[in-house]
Amino acid sequence: MDLVYRHNRITRFTHWTNALALMILFMSGLMIFNAHPNLYWGNVSQADRAFFSIGAANDDGDLRGFVKLYGREVDTTGFLGAQQTGFMPTARAFPSWLTVPGYYSLAAGRRWHFFFGWLFVINGLLYIFYNLAVGHLRKFCFTPADAAKVPAMIAYYLHLRKTSPQEDEYNPLQKMAYTGVFVILTPLILLSGMAMSPQLNIAFNWLPAVFGGRQSARSIHFILAFGFGFFVFGHVFMVLTQGFLNNMRSMTTGWYRKKVPLAAKPIKAAAPVRPDIAQALKSKPEVSSSLSDDDAEKPLSATPASAPQTAENETLATPDGGKKHD
């Protein structure tokens, strides 16, 4: 494996700032929704014309929470519509642990929402312009060539495929998600939020009409907020399944440990035979060729056959240890 510098300082700073801003925006937006937990299409906000509602009803003395979508009602007591607080349930669209602030306050929720909304916009512009300048932004732009690799990438994430079709720094699913967020989701959620502002409606009276009315803009803003939530969920899922520690290190220090395939070692070719050595081996005389067949079968003696006999050579050992002379 090899370490590569994947994320610059501006990218890392804006990433974590956006993560904080999005979390506060989502939670404070739920607090604002609690003030009027109904969604409409058009310009009119009448309870009987709401296509989506979160509320509570008194059912034989018990407070029951519900969610209603186009007339279909689902009981959500204990989570949405009615929250258990202390000794008795309380009517509340989204529970306190999911909103900022935790207590009910429309004014405080709006202050949190507007502050982090501006932080999100300024931080996002810094990210886009800087990465356009350094050429990093085009690395995760979704192209038609990436579309053909999306099914294989999904199979790899679901562990139905052993090898990843990823060839660049970002895989096709990452490119599709980032491009969708930058090009479609973010502009729409910002414009729909602006269309709900009475002050901006004076200067840009055409803006609510683009979304079909202020109430339509509010409904679209609410739906797109959960679109951001699904994007964050998918982003976290990819981080967890593709190496949590490695991805977290790259977004905190910039360094990413990249898998480098091991190259097969080439087989060394046999050393060529030197012709001078080969010729010398062929011309070397063999020892056995100068001996007769009878000599070859006889054991070698330490004393040559032609050596003269001496007294010591003629001495033989007797069984009783004495010496006998011929």
C-alpha atoms as a PDB file:
ATOM      1  CA  MET A   1       0.000   0.000   0.000  1.00  0.00           C
ATOM      2  CA  ASP A   2       1.032   3.568  -0.664  1.00  0.00           C
ATOM      3  CA  LEU A   3       0.006   6.900   0.935  1.00  0.00           C
ATOM      4  CA  VAL A   4      -1.311   9.560  -1.435  1.00  0.00           C
ATOM      5  CA  TYR A   5      -2.294  13.154  -0.615  1.00  0.00           C
ATOM      6  CA  ARG A   6      -5.994  13.104  -1.500  1.00  0.00           C
ATOM      7  CA  HIS A   7      -7.694  16.147   0.096  1.00  0.00           C
ATOM      8  CA  ASN A   8      -6.236  19.647   0.417  1.00  0.00           C
ATOM      9  CA  ARG A   9      -6.716  21.849   3.481  1.00  0.00           C
ATOM     10  CA  ILE A  10      -9.549  23.916   1.990  1.00  0.00           C
ATOM     11  CA  THR A  11     -11.455  20.770   1.033  1.00  0.00           C
ATOM     12  CA  ARG A  12     -11.084  19.302   4.519  1.00  0.00           C
ATOM     13  CA  PHE A  13     -12.052  22.553   6.256  1.00  0.00           C
ATOM     14  CA  THR A  14     -15.132  23.163   4.100  1.00  0.00           C
ATOM     15  CA  HIS A  15     -16.185  19.509   4.352  1.00  0.00           C
ATOM     16  CA  TRP A  16     -16.396  19.511   8.148  1.00  0.00           C
ATOM     17  CA  THR A  17     -17.933  23.000   8.223  1.00  0.00           C
ATOM     18  CA  ASN A  18     -20.647  21.875   5.813  1.00  0.00           C
ATOM     19  CA  ALA A  19     -21.239  18.724   7.868  1.00  0.00           C
ATOM     20  CA  LEU A  20     -21.911  20.855  10.965  1.00  0.00           C
ATOM     21  CA  ALA A  21     -23.994  23.400   9.046  1.00  0.00           C
ATOM     22  CA  LEU A  22     -26.170  20.747   7.400  1.00  0.00           C
ATOM     23  CA  MET A  23     -26.858  19.038  10.714  1.00  0.00           C
ATOM     24  CA  ILE A  24     -27.964  22.288  12.401  1.00  0.00           C
ATOM     25  CA  LEU A  25     -29.964  23.353   9.337  1.00  0.00           C
ATOM     26  CA  PHE A  26     -31.845  20.066   9.287  1.00  0.00           C
ATOM     27  CA  MET A  27     -32.605  20.046  13.014  1.00  0.00           C
ATOM     28  CA  SER A  28     -33.573  23.715  13.203  1.00  0.00           C
ATOM     29  CA  GLY A  29     -35.737  23.261  10.103  1.00  0.00           C
ATOM     30  CA  LEU A  30     -37.684  20.550  11.928  1.00  0.00           C
ATOM     31  CA  MET A  31     -38.191  22.992  14.790  1.00  0.00           C
ATOM     32  CA  ILE A  32     -39.643  25.546  12.345  1.00  0.00           C
ATOM     33  CA  PHE A  33     -41.888  22.864  10.839  1.00  0.00           C
ATOM     34  CA  ASN A  34     -43.253  22.084  14.327  1.00  0.00           C
ATOM     35  CA  ALA A  35     -44.849  25.539  14.384  1.00  0.00           C
ATOM     36  CA  HIS A  36     -47.137  24.523  11.511  1.00  0.00           C
ATOM     37  CA  PRO A  37     -46.795  20.768  10.759  1.00  0.00           C
ATOM     38  CA  ASN A  38     -48.712  20.783   7.474  1.00  0.00           C
ATOM     39  CA  LEU A  39     -47.653  20.993   3.819  1.00  0.00           C
ATOM     40  CA  TYR A  40     -49.649  22.386   0.881  1.00  0.00           C
ATOM     41  CA  TRP A  41     -49.398  22.986  -2.841  1.00  0.00           C
ATOM     42  CA  GLY A  42     -50.009  26.469  -4.204  1.00  0.00           C
ATOM     43  CA  ASN A  43     -50.418  29.667  -2.179  1.00  0.00           C
ATOM     44  CA  VAL A  44     -53.211  28.759   0.224  1.00  0.00           C
ATOM     45  CA  SER A  45     -52.599  27.148   3.640  1.00  0.00           C
ATOM     46  CA  GLN A  46     -55.826  25.607   4.872  1.00  0.00           C
ATOM     47  CA  ALA A  47     -55.841  22.568   7.142  1.00  0.00           C
ATOM     48  CA  ASP A  48     -58.343  20.641   5.013  1.00  0.00           C
ATOM     49  CA  ARG A  49     -56.161  21.139   1.918  1.00  0.00           C
ATOM     50  CA  ALA A  50     -52.919  19.807   3.390  1.00  0.00           C
ATOM     51  CA  PHE A  51     -51.464  16.830   1.544  1.00  0.00           C
ATOM     52  CA  PHE A  52     -49.080  16.006   4.414  1.00  0.00           C
ATOM     53  CA  SER A  53     -49.588  16.461   8.153  1.00  0.00           C
ATOM     54  CA  ILE A  54     -48.040  15.381  11.429  1.00  0.00           C
ATOM     55  CA  GLY A  55     -50.342  15.799  14.396  1.00  0.00           C
ATOM     56  CA  ALA A  56     -51.950  14.392  17.497  1.00  0.00           C
ATOM     57  CA  ALA A  57     -55.511  13.357  18.320  1.00  0.00           C
ATOM     58  CA  ASN A  58     -57.299  12.670  21.613  1.00  0.00           C
ATOM     59  CA  ASP A  59     -58.422   9.048  21.452  1.00  0.00           C
ATOM     60  CA  ASP A  60     -60.589   8.250  24.518  1.00  0.00           C
ATOM     61  CA  GLY A  61     -58.390  10.315  26.794  1.00  0.00           C
ATOM     62  CA  ASP A  62     -55.095   9.099  25.278  1.00  0.00           C
ATOM     63  CA  LEU A  63     -53.028  11.374  23.068  1.00  0.00           C
ATOM     64  CA  ARG A  64     -52.246   9.571  19.848  1.00  0.00           C
ATOM     65  CA  GLY A  65     -49.696  10.756  17.261  1.00  0.00           C
ATOM     66  CA  PHE A  66     -50.204  10.259  13.551  1.00  0.00           C
ATOM     67  CA  VAL A  67     -48.773  11.050  10.125  1.00  0.00           C
ATOM     68  CA  LYS A  68     -51.191  11.660   7.274  1.00  0.00           C
ATOM     69  CA  LEU A  69     -50.236  11.628   3.567  1.00  0.00           C
ATOM     70  CA  TYR A  70     -52.966  12.282   1.001  1.00  0.00           C
ATOM     71  CA  GLY A  71     -55.653  11.006   3.374  1.00  0.00           C
ATOM     72  CA  ARG A  72     -53.784   7.866   4.475  1.00  0.00           C
ATOM     73  CA  GLU A  73     -53.091   7.941   8.205  1.00  0.00           C
ATOM     74  CA  VAL A  74     -50.394   6.012  10.092  1.00  0.00           C
ATOM     75  CA  ASP A  75     -50.154   5.816  13.893  1.00  0.00           C
ATOM     76  CA  THR A  76     -46.789   7.187  15.082  1.00  0.00           C
ATOM     77  CA  THR A  77     -47.407   7.619  18.823  1.00  0.00           C
ATOM     78  CA  GLY A  78     -44.196   7.965  20.797  1.00  0.00           C
ATOM     79  CA  PHE A  79     -42.134   9.230  17.876  1.00  0.00           C
ATOM     80  CA  LEU A  80     -44.025  11.679  15.625  1.00  0.00           C
ATOM     81  CA  GLY A  81     -47.043  13.724  16.591  1.00  0.00           C
ATOM     82  CA  ALA A  82     -47.086  12.829  20.304  1.00  0.00           C
ATOM     83  CA  GLN A  83     -44.010  12.704  22.529  1.00  0.00           C
ATOM     84  CA  GLN A  84     -43.844  11.310  26.038  1.00  0.00           C
ATOM     85  CA  THR A  85     -42.427  14.008  28.310  1.00  0.00           C
ATOM     86  CA  GLY A  86     -42.402  13.523  32.053  1.00  0.00           C
ATOM     87  CA  PHE A  87     -45.689  12.053  33.270  1.00  0.00           C
ATOM     88  CA  MET A  88     -47.850  12.788  30.233  1.00  0.00           C
ATOM     89  CA  PRO A  89     -47.566  12.835  26.417  1.00  0.00           C
ATOM     90  CA  THR A  90     -47.249  16.164  24.599  1.00  0.00           C
ATOM     91  CA  ALA A  91     -48.399  17.088  21.108  1.00  0.00           C
ATOM     92  CA  ARG A  92     -45.247  17.731  19.077  1.00  0.00           C
ATOM     93  CA  ALA A  93     -44.616  16.929  15.401  1.00  0.00           C
ATOM     94  CA  PHE A  94     -40.904  16.059  15.699  1.00  0.00           C
ATOM     95  CA  PRO A  95     -39.471  15.011  19.089  1.00  0.00           C
ATOM     96  CA  SER A  96     -37.231  17.322  21.105  1.00  0.00           C
ATOM     97  CA  TRP A  97     -34.085  15.185  20.633  1.00  0.00           C
ATOM     98  CA  LEU A  98     -34.351  15.741  16.865  1.00  0.00           C
ATOM     99  CA  THR A  99     -34.747  19.544  16.856  1.00  0.00           C
ATOM    100  CA  VAL A 100     -32.607  22.614  17.554  1.00  0.00           C
ATOM    101  CA  PRO A 101     -33.349  23.988  20.049  1.00  0.00           C
ATOM    102  CA  GLY A 102     -34.709  21.034  21.989  1.00  0.00           C
ATOM    103  CA  TYR A 103     -37.454  23.127  23.573  1.00  0.00           C
ATOM    104  CA  TYR A 104     -40.239  24.643  21.481  1.00  0.00           C
ATOM    105  CA  SER A 105     -39.307  28.085  20.160  1.00  0.00           C
ATOM    106  CA  LEU A 106     -40.051  29.230  16.619  1.00  0.00           C
ATOM    107  CA  ALA A 107     -37.959  32.395  16.995  1.00  0.00           C
ATOM    108  CA  ALA A 108     -34.888  30.509  18.243  1.00  0.00           C
ATOM    109  CA  GLY A 109     -35.291  27.900  15.513  1.00  0.00           C
ATOM    110  CA  ARG A 110     -35.368  30.593  12.833  1.00  0.00           C
ATOM    111  CA  ARG A 111     -32.215  32.275  14.215  1.00  0.00           C
ATOM    112  CA  TRP A 112     -30.315  28.980  14.208  1.00  0.00           C
ATOM    113  CA  HIS A 113     -31.565  28.208  10.711  1.00  0.00           C
ATOM    114  CA  PHE A 114     -30.678  31.546   9.122  1.00  0.00           C
ATOM    115  CA  PHE A 115     -27.221  31.768  10.702  1.00  0.00           C
ATOM    116  CA  PHE A 116     -26.133  28.313   9.570  1.00  0.00           C
ATOM    117  CA  GLY A 117     -27.857  28.847   6.240  1.00  0.00           C
ATOM    118  CA  TRP A 118     -25.535  31.763   5.467  1.00  0.00           C
ATOM    119  CA  LEU A 119     -22.570  29.789   6.790  1.00  0.00           C
ATOM    120  CA  PHE A 120     -23.482  26.928   4.443  1.00  0.00           C
ATOM    121  CA  VAL A 121     -23.702  29.259   1.427  1.00  0.00           C
ATOM    122  CA  ILE A 122     -20.431  31.120   2.075  1.00  0.00           C
ATOM    123  CA  ASN A 123     -18.559  27.930   2.916  1.00  0.00           C
ATOM    124  CA  GLY A 124     -19.954  26.198  -0.176  1.00  0.00           C
ATOM    125  CA  LEU A 125     -18.861  29.047  -2.455  1.00  0.00           C
ATOM    126  CA  LEU A 126     -15.365  28.886  -0.982  1.00  0.00           C
ATOM    127  CA  TYR A 127     -15.242  25.166  -1.682  1.00  0.00           C
ATOM    128  CA  ILE A 128     -16.472  25.485  -5.289  1.00  0.00           C
ATOM    129  CA  PHE A 129     -14.288  28.413  -6.366  1.00  0.00           C
ATOM    130  CA  TYR A 130     -11.120  27.046  -4.773  1.00  0.00           C
ATOM    131  CA  ASN A 131     -11.516  23.564  -6.220  1.00  0.00           C
ATOM    132  CA  LEU A 132     -12.379  25.005  -9.623  1.00  0.00           C
ATOM    133  CA  ALA A 133      -9.125  26.943  -9.520  1.00  0.00           C
ATOM    134  CA  VAL A 134      -6.996  23.911  -8.618  1.00  0.00           C
ATOM    135  CA  GLY A 135      -8.859  21.556 -10.963  1.00  0.00           C
ATOM    136  CA  HIS A 136     -10.103  19.236  -8.225  1.00  0.00           C
ATOM    137  CA  LEU A 137     -13.803  19.800  -8.936  1.00  0.00           C
ATOM    138  CA  ARG A 138     -13.826  18.042 -12.303  1.00  0.00           C
ATOM    139  CA  LYS A 139     -12.574  14.815 -10.697  1.00  0.00           C
ATOM    140  CA  PHE A 140     -16.042  13.984  -9.360  1.00  0.00           C
ATOM    141  CA  CYS A 141     -18.210  15.258 -12.218  1.00  0.00           C
ATOM    142  CA  PHE A 142     -20.528  12.508 -13.477  1.00  0.00           C
ATOM    143  CA  THR A 143     -20.101  11.647 -17.172  1.00  0.00           C
ATOM    144  CA  PRO A 144     -21.959   9.294 -19.570  1.00  0.00           C
ATOM    145  CA  ALA A 145     -19.005   6.897 -19.353  1.00  0.00           C
ATOM    146  CA  ASP A 146     -19.579   6.626 -15.595  1.00  0.00           C
ATOM    147  CA  ALA A 147     -23.257   5.728 -16.061  1.00  0.00           C
ATOM    148  CA  ALA A 148     -22.371   2.341 -17.575  1.00  0.00           C
ATOM    149  CA  LYS A 149     -20.372   1.420 -14.456  1.00  0.00           C
ATOM    150  CA  VAL A 150     -23.096   2.243 -11.913  1.00  0.00           C
ATOM    151  CA  PRO A 151     -24.677  -1.289 -11.752  1.00  0.00           C
ATOM    152  CA  ALA A 152     -21.275  -2.925 -11.234  1.00  0.00           C
ATOM    153  CA  MET A 153     -20.427  -0.403  -8.501  1.00  0.00           C
ATOM    154  CA  ILE A 154     -23.703  -1.119  -6.680  1.00  0.00           C
ATOM    155  CA  ALA A 155     -22.968  -4.865  -6.844  1.00  0.00           C
ATOM    156  CA  TYR A 156     -19.510  -4.224  -5.373  1.00  0.00           C
ATOM    157  CA  TYR A 157     -20.912  -2.228  -2.437  1.00  0.00           C
ATOM    158  CA  LEU A 158     -23.423  -5.020  -1.741  1.00  0.00           C
ATOM    159  CA  HIS A 159     -20.555  -7.554  -1.805  1.00  0.00           C
ATOM    160  CA  LEU A 160     -22.036  -9.277  -4.869  1.00  0.00           C
ATOM    161  CA  ARG A 161     -18.911  -8.505  -6.860  1.00  0.00           C
ATOM    162  CA  LYS A 162     -15.329  -9.083  -5.730  1.00  0.00           C
ATOM    163  CA  THR A 163     -13.564  -6.431  -7.802  1.00  0.00           C
ATOM    164  CA  SER A 164     -14.401  -2.730  -7.940  1.00  0.00           C
ATOM    165  CA  PRO A 165     -14.947  -1.077 -11.342  1.00  0.00           C
ATOM    166  CA  GLN A 166     -13.477   2.143  -9.962  1.00  0.00           C
ATOM    167  CA  GLU A 167     -10.668   3.539 -12.089  1.00  0.00           C
ATOM    168  CA  ASP A 168     -10.388   7.161 -10.929  1.00  0.00           C
ATOM    169  CA  GLU A 169     -10.130   8.794  -7.521  1.00  0.00           C
ATOM    170  CA  TYR A 170     -13.955   8.786  -7.189  1.00  0.00           C
ATOM    171  CA  ASN A 171     -16.172   5.885  -8.217  1.00  0.00           C
ATOM    172  CA  PRO A 172     -19.294   6.283 -10.422  1.00  0.00           C
ATOM    173  CA  LEU A 173     -21.757   6.329  -7.494  1.00  0.00           C
ATOM    174  CA  GLN A 174     -19.771   9.023  -5.714  1.00  0.00           C
ATOM    175  CA  LYS A 175     -19.636  11.117  -8.883  1.00  0.00           C
ATOM    176  CA  MET A 176     -23.373  10.730  -9.456  1.00  0.00           C
ATOM    177  CA  ALA A 177     -24.188  11.719  -5.867  1.00  0.00           C
ATOM    178  CA  TYR A 178     -21.842  14.728  -5.778  1.00  0.00           C
ATOM    179  CA  THR A 179     -22.937  16.010  -9.181  1.00  0.00           C
ATOM    180  CA  GLY A 180     -26.601  15.673  -8.214  1.00  0.00           C
ATOM    181  CA  VAL A 181     -26.044  17.566  -4.970  1.00  0.00           C
ATOM    182  CA  PHE A 182     -24.019  20.384  -6.562  1.00  0.00           C
ATOM    183  CA  VAL A 183     -26.061  20.851  -9.732  1.00  0.00           C
ATOM    184  CA  ILE A 184     -29.636  20.033  -8.665  1.00  0.00           C
ATOM    185  CA  LEU A 185     -30.227  19.619  -4.940  1.00  0.00           C
ATOM    186  CA  THR A 186     -28.299  22.581  -3.504  1.00  0.00           C
ATOM    187  CA  PRO A 187     -29.554  25.259  -5.956  1.00  0.00           C
ATOM    188  CA  LEU A 188     -33.161  24.114  -5.563  1.00  0.00           C
ATOM    189  CA  ILE A 189     -33.112  24.053  -1.773  1.00  0.00           C
ATOM    190  CA  LEU A 190     -31.540  27.519  -1.633  1.00  0.00           C
ATOM    191  CA  LEU A 191     -33.997  29.027  -4.120  1.00  0.00           C
ATOM    192  CA  SER A 192     -37.015  27.418  -2.446  1.00  0.00           C
ATOM    193  CA  GLY A 193     -35.855  28.807   0.900  1.00  0.00           C
ATOM    194  CA  MET A 194     -35.497  32.271  -0.614  1.00  0.00           C
ATOM    195  CA  ALA A 195     -38.991  31.999  -2.119  1.00  0.00           C
ATOM    196  CA  MET A 196     -40.473  31.680   1.401  1.00  0.00           C
ATOM    197  CA  SER A 197     -38.935  34.954   2.587  1.00  0.00           C
ATOM    198  CA  PRO A 198     -41.388  37.915   2.543  1.00  0.00           C
ATOM    199  CA  GLN A 199     -38.483  40.390   2.266  1.00  0.00           C
ATOM    200  CA  LEU A 200     -37.044  38.656  -0.799  1.00  0.00           C
ATOM    201  CA  ASN A 201     -40.489  38.319  -2.335  1.00  0.00           C
ATOM    202  CA  ILE A 202     -40.643  42.101  -2.582  1.00  0.00           C
ATOM    203  CA  ALA A 203     -37.393  42.292  -4.566  1.00  0.00           C
ATOM    204  CA  PHE A 204     -37.886  39.039  -6.480  1.00  0.00           C
ATOM    205  CA  ASN A 205     -41.657  38.666  -6.810  1.00  0.00           C
ATOM    206  CA  TRP A 206     -41.203  36.117  -9.588  1.00  0.00           C
ATOM    207  CA  LEU A 207     -39.358  33.657  -7.329  1.00  0.00           C
ATOM    208  CA  PRO A 208     -42.417  32.108  -5.541  1.00  0.00           C
ATOM    209  CA  ALA A 209     -44.141  31.729  -8.913  1.00  0.00           C
ATOM    210  CA  VAL A 210     -41.252  29.571 -10.159  1.00  0.00           C
ATOM    211  CA  PHE A 211     -42.216  26.961  -7.556  1.00  0.00           C
ATOM    212  CA  GLY A 212     -45.961  27.392  -7.992  1.00  0.00           C
ATOM    213  CA  GLY A 213     -46.539  29.554  -4.914  1.00  0.00           C
ATOM    214  CA  ARG A 214     -45.043  30.124  -1.483  1.00  0.00           C
ATOM    215  CA  GLN A 215     -46.670  27.032   0.019  1.00  0.00           C
ATOM    216  CA  SER A 216     -45.341  24.900  -2.827  1.00  0.00           C
ATOM    217  CA  ALA A 217     -41.884  26.350  -2.223  1.00  0.00           C
ATOM    218  CA  ARG A 218     -42.187  25.387   1.462  1.00  0.00           C
ATOM    219  CA  SER A 219     -43.201  21.837   0.581  1.00  0.00           C
ATOM    220  CA  ILE A 220     -40.352  21.460  -1.919  1.00  0.00           C
ATOM    221  CA  HIS A 221     -37.890  22.867   0.635  1.00  0.00           C
ATOM    222  CA  PHE A 222     -39.059  20.316   3.216  1.00  0.00           C
ATOM    223  CA  ILE A 223     -38.788  17.370   0.779  1.00  0.00           C
ATOM    224  CA  LEU A 224     -35.344  18.431  -0.455  1.00  0.00           C
ATOM    225  CA  ALA A 225     -34.131  18.667   3.151  1.00  0.00           C
ATOM    226  CA  PHE A 226     -34.770  14.949   3.482  1.00  0.00           C
ATOM    227  CA  GLY A 227     -33.043  14.516   0.125  1.00  0.00           C
ATOM    228  CA  PHE A 228     -29.933  15.933   1.764  1.00  0.00           C
ATOM    229  CA  GLY A 229     -30.517  13.510   4.628  1.00  0.00           C
ATOM    230  CA  PHE A 230     -30.524  10.538   2.239  1.00  0.00           C
ATOM    231  CA  PHE A 231     -27.355  11.852   0.594  1.00  0.00           C
ATOM    232  CA  VAL A 232     -25.605  12.036   3.977  1.00  0.00           C
ATOM    233  CA  PHE A 233     -26.805   8.516   4.813  1.00  0.00           C
ATOM    234  CA  GLY A 234     -25.411   7.176   1.525  1.00  0.00           C
ATOM    235  CA  HIS A 235     -22.171   9.073   2.038  1.00  0.00           C
ATOM    236  CA  VAL A 236     -21.694   7.610   5.518  1.00  0.00           C
ATOM    237  CA  PHE A 237     -22.585   4.133   4.213  1.00  0.00           C
ATOM    238  CA  MET A 238     -19.848   4.366   1.579  1.00  0.00           C
ATOM    239  CA  VAL A 239     -17.319   5.521   4.165  1.00  0.00           C
ATOM    240  CA  LEU A 240     -18.166   2.638   6.500  1.00  0.00           C
ATOM    241  CA  THR A 241     -18.091  -0.056   3.821  1.00  0.00           C
ATOM    242  CA  GLN A 242     -14.950   1.135   2.050  1.00  0.00           C
ATOM    243  CA  GLY A 243     -12.594   1.551   5.006  1.00  0.00           C
ATOM    244  CA  PHE A 244     -13.750   3.830   7.815  1.00  0.00           C
ATOM    245  CA  LEU A 245     -10.330   4.583   9.331  1.00  0.00           C
ATOM    246  CA  ASN A 246      -8.686   5.126   5.965  1.00  0.00           C
ATOM    247  CA  ASN A 247     -11.414   7.531   4.771  1.00  0.00           C
ATOM    248  CA  MET A 248     -11.490   9.399   8.073  1.00  0.00           C
ATOM    249  CA  ARG A 249      -7.708   9.821   7.980  1.00  0.00           C
ATOM    250  CA  SER A 250      -7.865  11.215   4.447  1.00  0.00           C
ATOM    251  CA  MET A 251     -10.503  13.789   5.460  1.00  0.00           C
ATOM    252  CA  THR A 252      -8.641  14.860   8.611  1.00  0.00           C
ATOM    253  CA  THR A 253      -4.981  14.731   7.528  1.00  0.00           C
ATOM    254  CA  GLY A 254      -5.347  14.589   3.748  1.00  0.00           C
ATOM    255  CA  TRP A 255      -3.429  11.310   3.380  1.00  0.00           C
ATOM    256  CA  TYR A 256      -5.165   8.269   1.924  1.00  0.00           C
ATOM    257  CA  ARG A 257      -3.719   4.758   1.933  1.00  0.00           C
ATOM    258  CA  LYS A 258      -4.130   3.471  -1.595  1.00  0.00           C
ATOM    259  CA  LYS A 259      -3.972  -0.196  -2.464  1.00  0.00           C
ATOM    260  CA  VAL A 260      -1.177  -0.848  -4.941  1.00  0.00           C
ATOM    261  CA  PRO A 261      -1.373  -4.182  -6.809  1.00  0.00           C
ATOM    262  CA  LEU A 262       1.741  -6.309  -6.424  1.00  0.00           C
ATOM    263  CA  ALA A 263       3.553  -6.751  -9.724  1.00  0.00           C
ATOM    264  CA  ALA A 264       4.616 -10.288 -10.588  1.00  0.00           C
ATOM    265  CA  LYS A 265       8.383 -10.738 -10.428  1.00  0.00           C
ATOM    266  CA  PRO A 266       9.869 -11.695 -13.798  1.00  0.00           C
ATOM    267  CA  ILE A 267      11.510 -15.129 -14.001  1.00  0.00           C
ATOM    268  CA  LYS A 268      15.246 -14.829 -14.417  1.00  0.00           C
ATOM    269  CA  ALA A 269      16.583 -16.414 -17.580  1.00  0.00           C
ATOM    270  CA  ALA A 270      19.253 -19.097 -17.238  1.00  0.00           C
ATOM    271  CA  ALA A 271      22.796 -17.809 -17.610  1.00  0.00           C
ATOM    272  CA  PRO A 272      24.226 -18.595 -21.049  1.00  0.00           C
ATOM    273  CA  VAL A 273      26.918 -21.287 -21.158  1.00  0.00           C
ATOM    274  CA  ARG A 274      30.332 -19.860 -21.824  1.00  0.00           C
ATOM    275  CA  PRO A 275      31.782 -21.593 -24.901  1.00  0.00           C
ATOM    276  CA  ASP A 276      35.361 -21.631 -23.523  1.00  0.00           C
ATOM    277  CA  ILE A 277      34.271 -23.455 -20.367  1.00  0.00           C
ATOM    278  CA  ALA A 278      32.144 -25.917 -22.339  1.00  0.00           C
ATOM    279  CA  GLN A 279      35.038 -26.690 -24.663  1.00  0.00           C
ATOM    280  CA  ALA A 280      37.401 -27.203 -21.739  1.00  0.00           C
ATOM    281  CA  LEU A 281      35.008 -29.674 -20.120  1.00  0.00           C
ATOM    282  CA  LYS A 282      34.747 -31.683 -23.313  1.00  0.00           C
ATOM    283  CA  SER A 283      38.512 -31.901 -23.804  1.00  0.00           C
ATOM    284  CA  LYS A 284      39.301 -32.937 -20.165  1.00  0.00           C
ATOM    285  CA  PRO A 285      40.744 -36.552 -20.130  1.00  0.00           C
ATOM    286  CA  GLU A 286      38.914 -39.139 -18.108  1.00  0.00           C
ATOM    287  CA  VAL A 287      40.893 -40.952 -15.417  1.00  0.00           C
ATOM    288  CA  SER A 288      39.211 -44.302 -15.982  1.00  0.00           C
ATOM    289  CA  SER A 289      40.204 -44.407 -19.686  1.00  0.00           C
ATOM    290  CA  SER A 290      43.952 -44.995 -18.858  1.00  0.00           C
ATOM    291  CA  LEU A 291      43.200 -48.022 -16.679  1.00  0.00           C
ATOM    292  CA  SER A 292      42.482 -51.559 -17.786  1.00  0.00           C
ATOM    293  CA  ASP A 293      39.325 -53.320 -16.739  1.00  0.00           C
ATOM    294  CA  ASP A 294      41.288 -55.562 -14.333  1.00  0.00           C
ATOM    295  CA  ASP A 295      43.002 -52.589 -12.709  1.00  0.00           C
ATOM    296  CA  ALA A 296      39.771 -50.769 -12.282  1.00  0.00           C
ATOM    297  CA  GLU A 297      38.304 -53.632 -10.300  1.00  0.00           C
ATOM    298  CA  LYS A 298      41.339 -53.907  -7.927  1.00  0.00           C
ATOM    299  CA  PRO A 299      41.345 -51.796  -4.729  1.00  0.00           C
ATOM    300  CA  LEU A 300      43.918 -49.097  -4.517  1.00  0.00           C
ATOM    301  CA  SER A 301      46.847 -49.870  -2.201  1.00  0.00           C
ATOM    302  CA  ALA A 302      48.630 -47.335  -0.114  1.00  0.00           C
ATOM    303  CA  THR A 303      51.947 -49.070  -0.929  1.00  0.00           C
ATOM    304  CA  PRO A 304      53.000 -49.297  -4.576  1.00  0.00           C
ATOM    305  CA  ALA A 305      53.415 -52.813  -5.996  1.00  0.00           C
ATOM    306  CA  SER A 306      57.029 -52.149  -6.949  1.00  0.00           C
ATOM    307  CA  ALA A 307      58.104 -51.077  -3.433  1.00  0.00           C
ATOM    308  CA  PRO A 308      60.923 -53.319  -1.951  1.00  0.00           C
ATOM    309  CA  GLN A 309      60.062 -55.656   0.890  1.00  0.00           C
ATOM    310  CA  THR A 310      61.579 -54.755   4.282  1.00  0.00           C
ATOM    311  CA  ALA A 311      61.654 -56.456   7.605  1.00  0.00           C
ATOM    312  CA  GLU A 312      58.828 -54.364   8.834  1.00  0.00           C
ATOM    313  CA  ASN A 313      56.724 -55.295   5.843  1.00  0.00           C
ATOM    314  CA  GLU A 314      57.380 -58.962   6.507  1.00  0.00           C
ATOM    315  CA  THR A 315      56.373 -58.819  10.162  1.00  0.00           C
ATOM    316  CA  LEU A 316      53.018 -60.405  10.818  1.00  0.00           C
ATOM    317  CA  ALA A 317      51.008 -60.271  13.975  1.00  0.00           C
ATOM    318  CA  THR A 318      50.309 -63.602  15.630  1.00  0.00           C
ATOM    319  CA  PRO A 319      47.200 -64.459  17.608  1.00  0.00           C
ATOM    320  CA  ASP A 320      49.132 -64.502  20.914  1.00  0.00           C
ATOM    321  CA  GLY A 321      50.630 -61.125  20.337  1.00  0.00           C
ATOM    322  CA  GLY A 322      54.103 -62.411  19.515  1.00  0.00           C
ATOM    323  CA  LYS A 323      56.105 -61.719  16.409  1.00  0.00           C
ATOM    324  CA  LYS A 324      57.072 -64.196  13.740  1.00  0.00           C
ATOM    325  CA  HIS A 325      59.815 -63.665  11.167  1.00  0.00           C
ATOM    326  CA  ASP A 326      60.115 -65.603   7.894  1.00  0.00           C
END
